[in-house]
Amino acid sequence: MNIFTKFYYLVIILSSYIIYLSVSTKLYFFLFCRIMTGFQLPILAFFVFLALLVLIANVVVSGLLVILLLMKKKDDCKKNRKMERKYDNKKLERI
C-alpha cells in the first residue's frame, strides 16, 4: 500500500470526525440557548436524537474505512508474497 492511500484514508477519517464535531457543537449550542430561554421537551429530544444519530453515523463510517484499510493491507501482503515466490522461483531456475 502506498503512502497516498494511507493519507487518503486518514484524511477521510479525520474529516468525518471534524464534521461530527462541528455539527454536534452547533446542535448542543442551539439546545443550550433554547433550554435557557425555555423549550418544549419533544423538540429538545429530537435534537438530542439527531446529535446521537450523527455520532453513530460517524462511528460506522470510520469503522468501515478502517476495515477497508485492513482488507487492502491484507491483499497487499498476499501480492507481495506472490511476487517474492516468483522471484525465488526464477532465482532457483537460474541456479
Protein backbone atom coordinates (compact mmCIF):
# COMPACT_ATOMS: atom_id res chain seq x y z
CA MET A 1 0.00 0.00 0.00
CA ASN A 2 1.48 3.31 -0.97
CA ILE A 3 1.66 6.42 1.18
CA PHE A 4 -1.08 8.20 -0.79
CA THR A 5 -3.65 5.52 0.03
CA LYS A 6 -2.86 5.74 3.73
CA PHE A 7 -3.04 9.52 3.58
CA TYR A 8 -6.38 9.32 1.75
CA TYR A 9 -7.92 7.10 4.43
CA LEU A 10 -6.52 9.29 7.20
CA VAL A 11 -7.97 12.43 5.62
CA ILE A 12 -11.40 10.80 5.25
CA ILE A 13 -11.46 9.62 8.87
CA LEU A 14 -10.29 12.97 10.22
CA SER A 15 -12.74 14.92 8.07
CA SER A 16 -15.63 12.76 9.26
CA TYR A 17 -14.68 13.50 12.88
CA ILE A 18 -14.40 17.22 12.14
CA ILE A 19 -17.85 17.17 10.52
CA TYR A 20 -19.26 15.35 13.54
CA LEU A 21 -17.70 17.81 15.97
CA SER A 22 -18.93 20.85 14.06
CA VAL A 23 -22.49 19.53 13.69
CA SER A 24 -22.77 18.31 17.26
CA THR A 25 -21.28 21.52 18.66
CA LYS A 26 -23.81 23.61 16.75
CA LEU A 27 -26.66 21.36 17.85
CA TYR A 28 -25.63 21.41 21.51
CA PHE A 29 -25.10 25.18 21.48
CA PHE A 30 -28.54 25.62 19.94
CA LEU A 31 -30.01 23.31 22.59
CA PHE A 32 -28.27 25.19 25.40
CA CYS A 33 -29.63 28.51 24.16
CA ARG A 34 -33.12 27.09 23.84
CA ILE A 35 -33.03 25.46 27.27
CA MET A 36 -32.09 28.78 28.84
CA THR A 37 -34.99 30.54 27.11
CA GLY A 38 -37.48 27.73 27.77
CA PHE A 39 -38.02 24.98 25.24
CA GLN A 40 -40.52 22.20 24.71
CA LEU A 41 -39.33 18.72 25.66
CA PRO A 42 -40.25 16.84 22.42
CA ILE A 43 -38.26 19.24 20.26
CA LEU A 44 -35.34 19.01 22.67
CA ALA A 45 -35.47 15.22 22.48
CA PHE A 46 -35.47 15.41 18.67
CA PHE A 47 -32.27 17.47 18.60
CA VAL A 48 -30.54 15.18 21.10
CA PHE A 49 -31.58 12.22 18.94
CA LEU A 50 -30.22 14.00 15.85
CA ALA A 51 -26.86 14.62 17.53
CA LEU A 52 -26.65 10.96 18.58
CA LEU A 53 -27.55 9.88 15.05
CA VAL A 54 -24.69 11.95 13.66
CA LEU A 55 -22.33 10.34 16.19
CA ILE A 56 -23.45 6.82 15.27
CA ALA A 57 -23.10 7.55 11.55
CA ASN A 58 -19.59 8.87 12.13
CA VAL A 59 -18.55 5.78 14.09
CA VAL A 60 -19.98 3.49 11.39
CA VAL A 61 -18.23 5.34 8.55
CA SER A 62 -14.92 5.42 10.41
CA GLY A 63 -15.22 1.72 11.24
CA LEU A 64 -15.93 0.82 7.63
CA LEU A 65 -12.94 2.83 6.45
CA VAL A 66 -10.66 1.10 8.95
CA ILE A 67 -11.98 -2.31 7.85
CA LEU A 68 -11.38 -1.38 4.19
CA LEU A 69 -7.87 -0.25 5.05
CA LEU A 70 -7.11 -3.53 6.84
CA MET A 71 -8.53 -5.59 3.94
CA LYS A 72 -6.42 -3.66 1.44
CA LYS A 73 -3.33 -4.17 3.60
CA LYS A 74 -4.05 -7.91 3.73
CA ASP A 75 -4.40 -8.05 -0.08
CA ASP A 76 -1.15 -6.14 -0.49
CA CYS A 77 0.63 -8.64 1.78
CA LYS A 78 -0.68 -11.52 -0.35
CA LYS A 79 0.51 -9.82 -3.54
CA ASN A 80 3.94 -9.21 -2.03
CA ARG A 81 4.25 -12.87 -1.02
CA LYS A 82 3.30 -13.99 -4.54
CA MET A 83 5.90 -11.68 -6.04
CA GLU A 84 8.54 -12.98 -3.62
CA ARG A 85 7.72 -16.57 -4.58
CA LYS A 86 8.00 -15.76 -8.29
CA TYR A 87 11.33 -14.06 -7.68
CA ASP A 88 12.59 -17.02 -5.62
CA ASN A 89 11.46 -19.48 -8.32
CA LYS A 90 13.27 -17.50 -11.02
CA LYS A 91 16.36 -17.43 -8.84
CA LEU A 92 16.22 -21.21 -8.37
CA GLU A 93 15.77 -21.76 -12.12
CA ARG A 94 18.92 -19.78 -12.83
CA ILE A 95 20.91 -21.93 -10.43
